[in-house]
Amino acid sequence: MLKQKNRLKNKQEFEKTFRYGSFFSSKFLIIKVKENNCPETKFGFVVGKNSFKKAVERNQIKRKLRAAVYQIQFKIKPQLNLIIGLKKGFSAKNLKTEEISRDLETALKKNNLLK
């Protein structure tokens, strides 16, 4: 589980990252990145109601995203805010945490966000 210091908590942090952050995507994921002033990297997870109607499915997706980030969080550069979401058309049942983790690591490596 991610520590409190590694989570985007308040609305202002989310809004700044969404509004001013750079966007990129991978096979499964949508990622927004913005630099922050904290020594740690902070993560936020977004799964919309329009994409996934059932709360059970949204929660499963967020759990898998958190687990994927937990596996590679120490490889990511510090002082970043990252918001991660799953693209439409994929379901939590079909995706494994390892696949998401691999896809996330590949996307971050491609955009020079790994140490």
Protein backbone atom coordinates (compact mmCIF):
# COMPACT_ATOMS: atom_id res chain seq x y z
CA MET A 1 0.00 0.00 0.00
CA LEU A 2 1.22 3.48 -0.81
CA LYS A 3 2.21 5.65 2.12
CA GLN A 4 0.29 8.85 2.87
CA LYS A 5 3.22 11.00 1.74
CA ASN A 6 3.06 9.34 -1.71
CA ARG A 7 -0.61 10.12 -2.38
CA LEU A 8 -2.26 13.06 -4.05
CA LYS A 9 -4.81 13.99 -1.44
CA ASN A 10 -6.43 17.34 -1.97
CA LYS A 11 -8.44 18.72 -4.85
CA GLN A 12 -5.95 21.49 -5.67
CA GLU A 13 -3.12 19.02 -6.32
CA PHE A 14 -5.34 17.00 -8.65
CA GLU A 15 -6.57 20.07 -10.50
CA LYS A 16 -3.07 21.53 -10.98
CA THR A 17 -1.77 18.21 -12.26
CA PHE A 18 -4.73 17.79 -14.63
CA ARG A 19 -4.65 21.37 -15.89
CA TYR A 20 -0.91 22.02 -16.18
CA GLY A 21 0.60 18.55 -16.37
CA SER A 22 1.83 16.87 -19.50
CA PHE A 23 -0.16 13.97 -20.90
CA PHE A 24 0.90 10.67 -22.39
CA SER A 25 -0.65 7.26 -22.75
CA SER A 26 0.34 3.67 -23.21
CA LYS A 27 -1.45 0.52 -24.26
CA PHE A 28 -3.68 0.38 -21.16
CA LEU A 29 -3.03 3.61 -19.26
CA ILE A 30 -3.57 7.35 -19.38
CA ILE A 31 -0.96 9.32 -17.42
CA LYS A 32 -0.69 12.99 -16.43
CA VAL A 33 2.62 14.25 -15.00
CA LYS A 34 3.59 17.50 -13.31
CA GLU A 35 6.62 18.44 -11.24
CA ASN A 36 6.07 19.26 -7.56
CA ASN A 37 8.13 20.85 -4.79
CA CYS A 38 8.01 17.86 -2.45
CA PRO A 39 10.95 15.44 -2.22
CA GLU A 40 8.61 12.49 -2.88
CA THR A 41 6.67 11.42 -5.95
CA LYS A 42 2.91 11.54 -5.40
CA PHE A 43 0.34 9.37 -7.15
CA GLY A 44 -3.35 9.78 -7.83
CA PHE A 45 -5.69 7.29 -9.48
CA VAL A 46 -8.68 8.17 -11.62
CA VAL A 47 -11.38 5.86 -12.95
CA GLY A 48 -14.45 7.58 -14.36
CA LYS A 49 -18.09 6.60 -14.01
CA ASN A 50 -18.62 7.13 -17.72
CA SER A 51 -16.03 4.48 -18.56
CA PHE A 52 -16.87 1.96 -15.84
CA LYS A 53 -20.45 2.01 -14.56
CA LYS A 54 -20.18 -0.29 -11.56
CA ALA A 55 -18.41 0.89 -8.41
CA VAL A 56 -17.08 -2.63 -7.83
CA GLU A 57 -15.25 -2.54 -11.15
CA ARG A 58 -13.89 0.99 -10.53
CA ASN A 59 -12.56 -0.07 -7.13
CA GLN A 60 -10.95 -3.21 -8.56
CA ILE A 61 -9.21 -1.14 -11.21
CA LYS A 62 -7.93 1.36 -8.64
CA ARG A 63 -6.63 -1.49 -6.48
CA LYS A 64 -4.75 -2.98 -9.42
CA LEU A 65 -3.34 0.42 -10.40
CA ARG A 66 -2.13 1.01 -6.83
CA ALA A 67 -0.53 -2.43 -6.71
CA ALA A 68 1.22 -1.82 -10.04
CA VAL A 69 2.58 1.52 -8.85
CA TYR A 70 3.69 0.03 -5.54
CA GLN A 71 5.86 -2.49 -7.43
CA ILE A 72 7.79 0.18 -9.35
CA GLN A 73 7.50 3.33 -7.21
CA PHE A 74 11.17 3.26 -6.20
CA LYS A 75 12.28 3.33 -9.84
CA ILE A 76 10.41 6.58 -10.56
CA LYS A 77 12.15 9.95 -10.35
CA PRO A 78 11.32 12.07 -7.27
CA GLN A 79 9.43 15.39 -7.20
CA LEU A 80 6.60 14.41 -9.55
CA ASN A 81 2.83 14.30 -9.35
CA LEU A 82 1.40 11.43 -11.39
CA ILE A 83 -2.27 10.81 -12.11
CA ILE A 84 -2.91 7.39 -13.60
CA GLY A 85 -6.11 6.05 -15.13
CA LEU A 86 -7.19 3.09 -17.22
CA LYS A 87 -8.31 3.59 -20.81
CA LYS A 88 -11.86 2.77 -21.87
CA GLY A 89 -12.47 -0.71 -23.18
CA PHE A 90 -10.37 -2.60 -20.65
CA SER A 91 -11.83 -4.33 -17.64
CA ALA A 92 -10.37 -5.26 -14.28
CA LYS A 93 -11.19 -8.92 -14.87
CA ASN A 94 -9.11 -9.17 -18.03
CA LEU A 95 -6.02 -7.30 -16.85
CA LYS A 96 -3.45 -8.61 -14.40
CA THR A 97 -1.45 -6.36 -12.10
CA GLU A 98 1.79 -7.55 -13.71
CA GLU A 99 0.57 -6.45 -17.15
CA ILE A 100 -0.36 -3.02 -15.83
CA SER A 101 2.96 -2.71 -14.00
CA ARG A 102 4.92 -3.66 -17.11
CA ASP A 103 2.92 -1.22 -19.25
CA LEU A 104 3.38 1.59 -16.72
CA GLU A 105 7.12 0.99 -16.49
CA THR A 106 7.46 0.99 -20.28
CA ALA A 107 5.50 4.25 -20.59
CA LEU A 108 7.54 5.96 -17.87
CA LYS A 109 10.81 4.75 -19.37
CA LYS A 110 9.78 6.07 -22.80
CA ASN A 111 9.12 9.51 -21.27
CA ASN A 112 12.35 9.58 -19.17
CA LEU A 113 10.59 9.46 -15.80
CA LEU A 114 12.56 6.54 -14.36
CA LYS A 115 15.78 6.95 -12.40
